Amino acid sequence: MQVITETGNEWKVTDAVAPVVDIAGRCWKLDEVMEAVNNAKDLISGELGGDLESDFGNLIVNATAVILENPERVDFDFVVSKCYSTDPNEVRDWWSW
């Protein structure tokens, strides 16, 4: 697959090496989107006092990656099966104090 991107005032055609997302008229590679999601999680966590609910934040980041790669299959159990080596019910229990 080829991707057309704008660099300054130039358009460039390149081979896509990763899935691409079009956001606000710019093409983003999946790794760039995930870097932005991770940076947003870290920014908010840092502003709110450090490592608050890091499991929850990491679960959101992981779910984002799975949803971007598998938009047709979006449910909690599938996300957990792709990202964790544990049962989805165990992950649910992380917040059942």
PDB file of N, CA and C in Angstrom:
ATOM      1  N   MET A   1       0.834  -1.161   0.000  1.00  0.00           N
ATOM      2  CA  MET A   1       0.000   0.000   0.000  1.00  0.00           C
ATOM      3  C   MET A   1       0.886   1.234   0.000  1.00  0.00           C
ATOM      4  N   GLN A   2       0.484   2.224  -0.759  1.00  0.00           N
ATOM      5  CA  GLN A   2       1.225   3.475  -0.784  1.00  0.00           C
ATOM      6  C   GLN A   2       0.418   4.565  -0.096  1.00  0.00           C
ATOM      7  N   VAL A   3       1.138   5.518   0.452  1.00  0.00           N
ATOM      8  CA  VAL A   3       0.526   6.607   1.205  1.00  0.00           C
ATOM      9  C   VAL A   3       1.024   7.923   0.642  1.00  0.00           C
ATOM     10  N   ILE A   4       0.118   8.877   0.521  1.00  0.00           N
ATOM     11  CA  ILE A   4       0.504  10.221   0.099  1.00  0.00           C
ATOM     12  C   ILE A   4       0.497  11.097   1.341  1.00  0.00           C
ATOM     13  N   THR A   5       1.616  11.733   1.614  1.00  0.00           N
ATOM     14  CA  THR A   5       1.716  12.611   2.779  1.00  0.00           C
ATOM     15  C   THR A   5       2.217  13.977   2.351  1.00  0.00           C
ATOM     16  N   GLU A   6       1.896  14.975   3.154  1.00  0.00           N
ATOM     17  CA  GLU A   6       2.350  16.333   2.885  1.00  0.00           C
ATOM     18  C   GLU A   6       3.511  16.641   3.807  1.00  0.00           C
ATOM     19  N   THR A   7       4.591  17.121   3.231  1.00  0.00           N
ATOM     20  CA  THR A   7       5.758  17.537   3.990  1.00  0.00           C
ATOM     21  C   THR A   7       6.045  18.975   3.615  1.00  0.00           C
ATOM     22  N   GLY A   8       5.691  19.902   4.500  1.00  0.00           N
ATOM     23  CA  GLY A   8       5.843  21.309   4.157  1.00  0.00           C
ATOM     24  C   GLY A   8       4.922  21.639   3.006  1.00  0.00           C
ATOM     25  N   ASN A   9       5.484  22.065   1.891  1.00  0.00           N
ATOM     26  CA  ASN A   9       4.687  22.369   0.698  1.00  0.00           C
ATOM     27  C   ASN A   9       4.776  21.280  -0.349  1.00  0.00           C
ATOM     28  N   GLU A  10       5.321  20.127   0.010  1.00  0.00           N
ATOM     29  CA  GLU A  10       5.510  19.040  -0.946  1.00  0.00           C
ATOM     30  C   GLU A  10       4.640  17.846  -0.576  1.00  0.00           C
ATOM     31  N   TRP A  11       4.171  17.154  -1.590  1.00  0.00           N
ATOM     32  CA  TRP A  11       3.470  15.895  -1.399  1.00  0.00           C
ATOM     33  C   TRP A  11       4.444  14.772  -1.713  1.00  0.00           C
ATOM     34  N   LYS A  12       4.397  13.727  -0.926  1.00  0.00           N
ATOM     35  CA  LYS A  12       5.347  12.639  -1.089  1.00  0.00           C
ATOM     36  C   LYS A  12       4.583  11.314  -1.095  1.00  0.00           C
ATOM     37  N   VAL A  13       4.913  10.440  -2.023  1.00  0.00           N
ATOM     38  CA  VAL A  13       4.316   9.109  -2.089  1.00  0.00           C
ATOM     39  C   VAL A  13       5.333   8.122  -1.525  1.00  0.00           C
ATOM     40  N   THR A  14       4.919   7.380  -0.517  1.00  0.00           N
ATOM     41  CA  THR A  14       5.817   6.402   0.095  1.00  0.00           C
ATOM     42  C   THR A  14       5.061   5.100   0.314  1.00  0.00           C
ATOM     43  N   ASP A  15       5.820   4.043   0.494  1.00  0.00           N
ATOM     44  CA  ASP A  15       5.209   2.763   0.841  1.00  0.00           C
ATOM     45  C   ASP A  15       4.913   2.776   2.330  1.00  0.00           C
ATOM     46  N   ALA A  16       3.705   2.379   2.682  1.00  0.00           N
ATOM     47  CA  ALA A  16       3.323   2.318   4.089  1.00  0.00           C
ATOM     48  C   ALA A  16       3.974   1.087   4.708  1.00  0.00           C
ATOM     49  N   VAL A  17       4.623   1.280   5.825  1.00  0.00           N
ATOM     50  CA  VAL A  17       5.254   0.161   6.528  1.00  0.00           C
ATOM     51  C   VAL A  17       4.427  -0.262   7.728  1.00  0.00           C
ATOM     52  N   ALA A  18       3.377   0.464   8.009  1.00  0.00           N
ATOM     53  CA  ALA A  18       2.484   0.144   9.123  1.00  0.00           C
ATOM     54  C   ALA A  18       1.109   0.655   8.755  1.00  0.00           C
ATOM     55  N   PRO A  19       0.087   0.152   9.421  1.00  0.00           N
ATOM     56  CA  PRO A  19      -1.246   0.691   9.163  1.00  0.00           C
ATOM     57  C   PRO A  19      -1.255   2.206   9.359  1.00  0.00           C
ATOM     58  N   VAL A  20      -2.079   2.892   8.570  1.00  0.00           N
ATOM     59  CA  VAL A  20      -2.102   4.342   8.580  1.00  0.00           C
ATOM     60  C   VAL A  20      -3.490   4.823   8.988  1.00  0.00           C
ATOM     61  N   VAL A  21      -3.531   5.885   9.786  1.00  0.00           N
ATOM     62  CA  VAL A  21      -4.770   6.502  10.229  1.00  0.00           C
ATOM     63  C   VAL A  21      -4.786   7.929   9.715  1.00  0.00           C
ATOM     64  N   ASP A  22      -5.900   8.347   9.122  1.00  0.00           N
ATOM     65  CA  ASP A  22      -6.038   9.719   8.650  1.00  0.00           C
ATOM     66  C   ASP A  22      -6.767  10.510   9.725  1.00  0.00           C
ATOM     67  N   ILE A  23      -6.066  11.432  10.362  1.00  0.00           N
ATOM     68  CA  ILE A  23      -6.635  12.279  11.408  1.00  0.00           C
ATOM     69  C   ILE A  23      -6.366  13.715  11.026  1.00  0.00           C
ATOM     70  N   ALA A  24      -7.438  14.484  10.899  1.00  0.00           N
ATOM     71  CA  ALA A  24      -7.339  15.917  10.600  1.00  0.00           C
ATOM     72  C   ALA A  24      -6.494  16.189   9.358  1.00  0.00           C
ATOM     73  N   GLY A  25      -6.660  15.354   8.352  1.00  0.00           N
ATOM     74  CA  GLY A  25      -5.968  15.589   7.100  1.00  0.00           C
ATOM     75  C   GLY A  25      -4.519  15.169   7.075  1.00  0.00           C
ATOM     76  N   ARG A  26      -4.047  14.549   8.114  1.00  0.00           N
ATOM     77  CA  ARG A  26      -2.665  14.054   8.133  1.00  0.00           C
ATOM     78  C   ARG A  26      -2.681  12.547   8.315  1.00  0.00           C
ATOM     79  N   CYS A  27      -1.811  11.870   7.612  1.00  0.00           N
ATOM     80  CA  CYS A  27      -1.687  10.417   7.765  1.00  0.00           C
ATOM     81  C   CYS A  27      -0.707  10.104   8.879  1.00  0.00           C
ATOM     82  N   TRP A  28      -1.137   9.278   9.780  1.00  0.00           N
ATOM     83  CA  TRP A  28      -0.317   8.870  10.929  1.00  0.00           C
ATOM     84  C   TRP A  28      -0.111   7.365  10.863  1.00  0.00           C
ATOM     85  N   LYS A  29       1.114   6.913  11.097  1.00  0.00           N
ATOM     86  CA  LYS A  29       1.369   5.481  11.219  1.00  0.00           C
ATOM     87  C   LYS A  29       0.866   5.037  12.592  1.00  0.00           C
ATOM     88  N   LEU A  30       0.533   3.769  12.675  1.00  0.00           N
ATOM     89  CA  LEU A  30       0.011   3.228  13.928  1.00  0.00           C
ATOM     90  C   LEU A  30       0.962   3.484  15.091  1.00  0.00           C
ATOM     91  N   ASP A  31       2.262   3.333  14.862  1.00  0.00           N
ATOM     92  CA  ASP A  31       3.210   3.554  15.968  1.00  0.00           C
ATOM     93  C   ASP A  31       3.210   5.015  16.411  1.00  0.00           C
ATOM     94  N   GLU A  32       2.956   5.955  15.484  1.00  0.00           N
ATOM     95  CA  GLU A  32       2.873   7.368  15.859  1.00  0.00           C
ATOM     96  C   GLU A  32       1.614   7.644  16.688  1.00  0.00           C
ATOM     97  N   VAL A  33       0.509   7.021  16.298  1.00  0.00           N
ATOM     98  CA  VAL A  33      -0.730   7.179  17.064  1.00  0.00           C
ATOM     99  C   VAL A  33      -0.544   6.620  18.469  1.00  0.00           C
ATOM    100  N   MET A  34       0.063   5.444  18.560  1.00  0.00           N
ATOM    101  CA  MET A  34       0.243   4.822  19.876  1.00  0.00           C
ATOM    102  C   MET A  34       1.227   5.622  20.740  1.00  0.00           C
ATOM    103  N   GLU A  35       2.231   6.206  20.130  1.00  0.00           N
ATOM    104  CA  GLU A  35       3.150   7.066  20.884  1.00  0.00           C
ATOM    105  C   GLU A  35       2.393   8.266  21.456  1.00  0.00           C
ATOM    106  N   ALA A  36       1.510   8.843  20.647  1.00  0.00           N
ATOM    107  CA  ALA A  36       0.717   9.981  21.126  1.00  0.00           C
ATOM    108  C   ALA A  36      -0.213   9.573  22.260  1.00  0.00           C
ATOM    109  N   VAL A  37      -0.832   8.417  22.154  1.00  0.00           N
ATOM    110  CA  VAL A  37      -1.721   7.931  23.219  1.00  0.00           C
ATOM    111  C   VAL A  37      -0.927   7.696  24.498  1.00  0.00           C
ATOM    112  N   ASN A  38       0.230   7.066  24.383  1.00  0.00           N
ATOM    113  CA  ASN A  38       1.083   6.836  25.556  1.00  0.00           C
ATOM    114  C   ASN A  38       1.551   8.150  26.168  1.00  0.00           C
ATOM    115  N   ASN A  39       1.936   9.099  25.326  1.00  0.00           N
ATOM    116  CA  ASN A  39       2.364  10.403  25.837  1.00  0.00           C
ATOM    117  C   ASN A  39       1.230  11.116  26.555  1.00  0.00           C
ATOM    118  N   ALA A  40       0.021  11.008  26.022  1.00  0.00           N
ATOM    119  CA  ALA A  40      -1.138  11.624  26.678  1.00  0.00           C
ATOM    120  C   ALA A  40      -1.392  10.990  28.038  1.00  0.00           C
ATOM    121  N   LYS A  41      -1.296   9.671  28.106  1.00  0.00           N
ATOM    122  CA  LYS A  41      -1.469   8.967  29.393  1.00  0.00           C
ATOM    123  C   LYS A  41      -0.428   9.429  30.393  1.00  0.00           C
ATOM    124  N   ASP A  42       0.834   9.508  29.976  1.00  0.00           N
ATOM    125  CA  ASP A  42       1.912   9.940  30.864  1.00  0.00           C
ATOM    126  C   ASP A  42       1.737  11.390  31.307  1.00  0.00           C
ATOM    127  N   LEU A  43       1.325  12.254  30.384  1.00  0.00           N
ATOM    128  CA  LEU A  43       1.111  13.663  30.703  1.00  0.00           C
ATOM    129  C   LEU A  43       0.033  13.825  31.776  1.00  0.00           C
ATOM    130  N   ILE A  44      -1.088  13.142  31.592  1.00  0.00           N
ATOM    131  CA  ILE A  44      -2.183  13.254  32.552  1.00  0.00           C
ATOM    132  C   ILE A  44      -1.799  12.627  33.879  1.00  0.00           C
ATOM    133  N   SER A  45      -1.155  11.482  33.839  1.00  0.00           N
ATOM    134  CA  SER A  45      -0.723  10.821  35.070  1.00  0.00           C
ATOM    135  C   SER A  45       0.258  11.702  35.842  1.00  0.00           C
ATOM    136  N   GLY A  46       1.202  12.315  35.133  1.00  0.00           N
ATOM    137  CA  GLY A  46       2.171  13.195  35.779  1.00  0.00           C
ATOM    138  C   GLY A  46       1.524  14.419  36.387  1.00  0.00           C
ATOM    139  N   GLU A  47       0.567  14.977  35.681  1.00  0.00           N
ATOM    140  CA  GLU A  47      -0.129  16.174  36.183  1.00  0.00           C
ATOM    141  C   GLU A  47      -0.963  15.858  37.420  1.00  0.00           C
ATOM    142  N   LEU A  48      -1.478  14.635  37.487  1.00  0.00           N
ATOM    143  CA  LEU A  48      -2.354  14.264  38.598  1.00  0.00           C
ATOM    144  C   LEU A  48      -1.607  13.593  39.742  1.00  0.00           C
ATOM    145  N   GLY A  49      -0.288  13.633  39.721  1.00  0.00           N
ATOM    146  CA  GLY A  49       0.459  13.152  40.875  1.00  0.00           C
ATOM    147  C   GLY A  49       1.203  11.858  40.694  1.00  0.00           C
ATOM    148  N   GLY A  50       1.529  11.503  39.499  1.00  0.00           N
ATOM    149  CA  GLY A  50       2.375  10.335  39.305  1.00  0.00           C
ATOM    150  C   GLY A  50       1.639   9.164  38.711  1.00  0.00           C
ATOM    151  N   ASP A  51       1.896   8.002  39.257  1.00  0.00           N
ATOM    152  CA  ASP A  51       1.466   6.747  38.656  1.00  0.00           C
ATOM    153  C   ASP A  51       0.063   6.352  39.124  1.00  0.00           C
ATOM    154  N   LEU A  52      -0.883   7.275  39.046  1.00  0.00           N
ATOM    155  CA  LEU A  52      -2.242   6.985  39.472  1.00  0.00           C
ATOM    156  C   LEU A  52      -2.900   6.012  38.515  1.00  0.00           C
ATOM    157  N   GLU A  53      -3.371   4.908  39.055  1.00  0.00           N
ATOM    158  CA  GLU A  53      -4.087   3.911  38.258  1.00  0.00           C
ATOM    159  C   GLU A  53      -3.357   3.552  36.967  1.00  0.00           C
ATOM    160  N   SER A  54      -2.074   3.218  37.099  1.00  0.00           N
ATOM    161  CA  SER A  54      -1.305   2.901  35.896  1.00  0.00           C
ATOM    162  C   SER A  54      -1.879   1.705  35.149  1.00  0.00           C
ATOM    163  N   ASP A  55      -2.436   0.724  35.859  1.00  0.00           N
ATOM    164  CA  ASP A  55      -3.045  -0.414  35.179  1.00  0.00           C
ATOM    165  C   ASP A  55      -4.200   0.035  34.298  1.00  0.00           C
ATOM    166  N   PHE A  56      -5.006   0.948  34.814  1.00  0.00           N
ATOM    167  CA  PHE A  56      -6.145   1.454  34.060  1.00  0.00           C
ATOM    168  C   PHE A  56      -5.676   2.219  32.819  1.00  0.00           C
ATOM    169  N   GLY A  57      -4.692   3.092  32.993  1.00  0.00           N
ATOM    170  CA  GLY A  57      -4.150   3.843  31.868  1.00  0.00           C
ATOM    171  C   GLY A  57      -3.532   2.935  30.822  1.00  0.00           C
ATOM    172  N   ASN A  58      -2.778   1.945  31.268  1.00  0.00           N
ATOM    173  CA  ASN A  58      -2.159   1.011  30.328  1.00  0.00           C
ATOM    174  C   ASN A  58      -3.204   0.174  29.602  1.00  0.00           C
ATOM    175  N   LEU A  59      -4.279  -0.177  30.296  1.00  0.00           N
ATOM    176  CA  LEU A  59      -5.358  -0.920  29.650  1.00  0.00           C
ATOM    177  C   LEU A  59      -6.002  -0.083  28.545  1.00  0.00           C
ATOM    178  N   ILE A  60      -6.172   1.207  28.784  1.00  0.00           N
ATOM    179  CA  ILE A  60      -6.726   2.088  27.750  1.00  0.00           C
ATOM    180  C   ILE A  60      -5.785   2.178  26.554  1.00  0.00           C
ATOM    181  N   VAL A  61      -4.489   2.316  26.813  1.00  0.00           N
ATOM    182  CA  VAL A  61      -3.505   2.371  25.718  1.00  0.00           C
ATOM    183  C   VAL A  61      -3.530   1.070  24.925  1.00  0.00           C
ATOM    184  N   ASN A  62      -3.524  -0.048  25.611  1.00  0.00           N
ATOM    185  CA  ASN A  62      -3.555  -1.339  24.925  1.00  0.00           C
ATOM    186  C   ASN A  62      -4.844  -1.524  24.133  1.00  0.00           C
ATOM    187  N   ALA A  63      -5.966  -1.122  24.714  1.00  0.00           N
ATOM    188  CA  ALA A  63      -7.248  -1.237  24.011  1.00  0.00           C
ATOM    189  C   ALA A  63      -7.247  -0.376  22.747  1.00  0.00           C
ATOM    190  N   THR A  64      -6.651   0.786  22.820  1.00  0.00           N
ATOM    191  CA  THR A  64      -6.570   1.655  21.639  1.00  0.00           C
ATOM    192  C   THR A  64      -5.833   0.959  20.508  1.00  0.00           C
ATOM    193  N   ALA A  65      -4.701   0.341  20.821  1.00  0.00           N
ATOM    194  CA  ALA A  65      -3.924  -0.361  19.792  1.00  0.00           C
ATOM    195  C   ALA A  65      -4.726  -1.507  19.190  1.00  0.00           C
ATOM    196  N   VAL A  66      -5.394  -2.274  20.028  1.00  0.00           N
ATOM    197  CA  VAL A  66      -6.169  -3.413  19.531  1.00  0.00           C
ATOM    198  C   VAL A  66      -7.331  -2.938  18.663  1.00  0.00           C
ATOM    199  N   ILE A  67      -8.012  -1.880  19.085  1.00  0.00           N
ATOM    200  CA  ILE A  67      -9.142  -1.357  18.313  1.00  0.00           C
ATOM    201  C   ILE A  67      -8.673  -0.835  16.955  1.00  0.00           C
ATOM    202  N   LEU A  68      -7.533  -0.136  16.929  1.00  0.00           N
ATOM    203  CA  LEU A  68      -7.015   0.367  15.652  1.00  0.00           C
ATOM    204  C   LEU A  68      -6.635  -0.768  14.711  1.00  0.00           C
ATOM    205  N   GLU A  69      -6.117  -1.854  15.256  1.00  0.00           N
ATOM    206  CA  GLU A  69      -5.696  -2.979  14.427  1.00  0.00           C
ATOM    207  C   GLU A  69      -6.845  -3.925  14.078  1.00  0.00           C
ATOM    208  N   ASN A  70      -7.909  -3.916  14.888  1.00  0.00           N
ATOM    209  CA  ASN A  70      -9.029  -4.848  14.705  1.00  0.00           C
ATOM    210  C   ASN A  70     -10.363  -4.128  14.876  1.00  0.00           C
ATOM    211  N   PRO A  71     -10.668  -3.151  14.040  1.00  0.00           N
ATOM    212  CA  PRO A  71     -11.874  -2.347  14.263  1.00  0.00           C
ATOM    213  C   PRO A  71     -13.170  -3.143  14.197  1.00  0.00           C
ATOM    214  N   GLU A  72     -13.141  -4.304  13.553  1.00  0.00           N
ATOM    215  CA  GLU A  72     -14.348  -5.108  13.437  1.00  0.00           C
ATOM    216  C   GLU A  72     -14.621  -5.954  14.677  1.00  0.00           C
ATOM    217  N   ARG A  73     -13.651  -6.051  15.563  1.00  0.00           N
ATOM    218  CA  ARG A  73     -13.787  -6.930  16.734  1.00  0.00           C
ATOM    219  C   ARG A  73     -13.431  -6.131  17.975  1.00  0.00           C
ATOM    220  N   VAL A  74     -14.411  -5.499  18.569  1.00  0.00           N
ATOM    221  CA  VAL A  74     -14.130  -4.637  19.704  1.00  0.00           C
ATOM    222  C   VAL A  74     -14.943  -5.108  20.908  1.00  0.00           C
ATOM    223  N   ASP A  75     -14.293  -5.817  21.800  1.00  0.00           N
ATOM    224  CA  ASP A  75     -14.883  -6.106  23.096  1.00  0.00           C
ATOM    225  C   ASP A  75     -13.758  -6.323  24.102  1.00  0.00           C
ATOM    226  N   PHE A  76     -14.105  -6.200  25.358  1.00  0.00           N
ATOM    227  CA  PHE A  76     -13.117  -6.246  26.436  1.00  0.00           C
ATOM    228  C   PHE A  76     -12.339  -7.559  26.434  1.00  0.00           C
ATOM    229  N   ASP A  77     -13.040  -8.683  26.301  1.00  0.00           N
ATOM    230  CA  ASP A  77     -12.370  -9.976  26.345  1.00  0.00           C
ATOM    231  C   ASP A  77     -11.323 -10.114  25.239  1.00  0.00           C
ATOM    232  N   PHE A  78     -11.640  -9.618  24.051  1.00  0.00           N
ATOM    233  CA  PHE A  78     -10.690  -9.686  22.941  1.00  0.00           C
ATOM    234  C   PHE A  78      -9.454  -8.839  23.233  1.00  0.00           C
ATOM    235  N   VAL A  79      -9.661  -7.636  23.763  1.00  0.00           N
ATOM    236  CA  VAL A  79      -8.527  -6.767  24.118  1.00  0.00           C
ATOM    237  C   VAL A  79      -7.622  -7.473  25.120  1.00  0.00           C
ATOM    238  N   VAL A  80      -8.203  -8.038  26.154  1.00  0.00           N
ATOM    239  CA  VAL A  80      -7.403  -8.719  27.174  1.00  0.00           C
ATOM    240  C   VAL A  80      -6.668  -9.911  26.572  1.00  0.00           C
ATOM    241  N   SER A  81      -7.340 -10.667  25.710  1.00  0.00           N
ATOM    242  CA  SER A  81      -6.681 -11.841  25.121  1.00  0.00           C
ATOM    243  C   SER A  81      -5.493 -11.455  24.243  1.00  0.00           C
ATOM    244  N   LYS A  82      -5.539 -10.271  23.620  1.00  0.00           N
ATOM    245  CA  LYS A  82      -4.444  -9.819  22.771  1.00  0.00           C
ATOM    246  C   LYS A  82      -3.279  -9.220  23.556  1.00  0.00           C
ATOM    247  N   CYS A  83      -3.550  -8.689  24.768  1.00  0.00           N
ATOM    248  CA  CYS A  83      -2.535  -7.898  25.473  1.00  0.00           C
ATOM    249  C   CYS A  83      -2.040  -8.501  26.789  1.00  0.00           C
ATOM    250  N   TYR A  84      -2.767  -9.420  27.339  1.00  0.00           N
ATOM    251  CA  TYR A  84      -2.416  -9.949  28.658  1.00  0.00           C
ATOM    252  C   TYR A  84      -2.437 -11.464  28.632  1.00  0.00           C
ATOM    253  N   SER A  85      -1.626 -12.065  29.472  1.00  0.00           N
ATOM    254  CA  SER A  85      -1.597 -13.528  29.552  1.00  0.00           C
ATOM    255  C   SER A  85      -2.414 -13.986  30.761  1.00  0.00           C
ATOM    256  N   THR A  86      -3.609 -13.445  30.857  1.00  0.00           N
ATOM    257  CA  THR A  86      -4.503 -13.798  31.951  1.00  0.00           C
ATOM    258  C   THR A  86      -5.939 -13.760  31.456  1.00  0.00           C
ATOM    259  N   ASP A  87      -6.826 -14.261  32.257  1.00  0.00           N
ATOM    260  CA  ASP A  87      -8.246 -14.311  31.932  1.00  0.00           C
ATOM    261  C   ASP A  87      -8.884 -12.929  32.075  1.00  0.00           C
ATOM    262  N   PRO A  88      -9.805 -12.571  31.186  1.00  0.00           N
ATOM    263  CA  PRO A  88     -10.468 -11.270  31.286  1.00  0.00           C
ATOM    264  C   PRO A  88     -11.142 -11.033  32.644  1.00  0.00           C
ATOM    265  N   ASN A  89     -11.672 -12.075  33.247  1.00  0.00           N
ATOM    266  CA  ASN A  89     -12.303 -11.892  34.563  1.00  0.00           C
ATOM    267  C   ASN A  89     -11.292 -11.508  35.635  1.00  0.00           C
ATOM    268  N   GLU A  90     -10.064 -12.010  35.508  1.00  0.00           N
ATOM    269  CA  GLU A  90      -9.022 -11.613  36.453  1.00  0.00           C
ATOM    270  C   GLU A  90      -8.701 -10.123  36.308  1.00  0.00           C
ATOM    271  N   VAL A  91      -8.644  -9.649  35.074  1.00  0.00           N
ATOM    272  CA  VAL A  91      -8.394  -8.221  34.840  1.00  0.00           C
ATOM    273  C   VAL A  91      -9.548  -7.399  35.419  1.00  0.00           C
ATOM    274  N   ARG A  92     -10.775  -7.858  35.227  1.00  0.00           N
ATOM    275  CA  ARG A  92     -11.923  -7.160  35.819  1.00  0.00           C
ATOM    276  C   ARG A  92     -11.790  -7.079  37.336  1.00  0.00           C
ATOM    277  N   ASP A  93     -11.258  -8.134  37.941  1.00  0.00           N
ATOM    278  CA  ASP A  93     -11.097  -8.181  39.399  1.00  0.00           C
ATOM    279  C   ASP A  93     -10.076  -7.177  39.919  1.00  0.00           C
ATOM    280  N   TRP A  94      -9.240  -6.635  39.055  1.00  0.00           N
ATOM    281  CA  TRP A  94      -8.267  -5.633  39.496  1.00  0.00           C
ATOM    282  C   TRP A  94      -8.970  -4.420  40.100  1.00  0.00           C
ATOM    283  N   TRP A  95     -10.242  -4.194  39.717  1.00  0.00           N
ATOM    284  CA  TRP A  95     -10.987  -3.026  40.210  1.00  0.00           C
ATOM    285  C   TRP A  95     -12.223  -3.417  41.004  1.00  0.00           C
ATOM    286  N   SER A  96     -12.232  -4.595  41.566  1.00  0.00           N
ATOM    287  CA  SER A  96     -13.402  -5.016  42.350  1.00  0.00           C
ATOM    288  C   SER A  96     -13.046  -5.117  43.835  1.00  0.00           C
ATOM    289  N   TRP A  97     -12.591  -3.995  44.391  1.00  0.00           N
ATOM    290  CA  TRP A  97     -12.161  -4.004  45.792  1.00  0.00           C
ATOM    291  C   TRP A  97     -13.329  -4.224  46.701  1.00  0.00           C
TER     292      TRP A  97
END
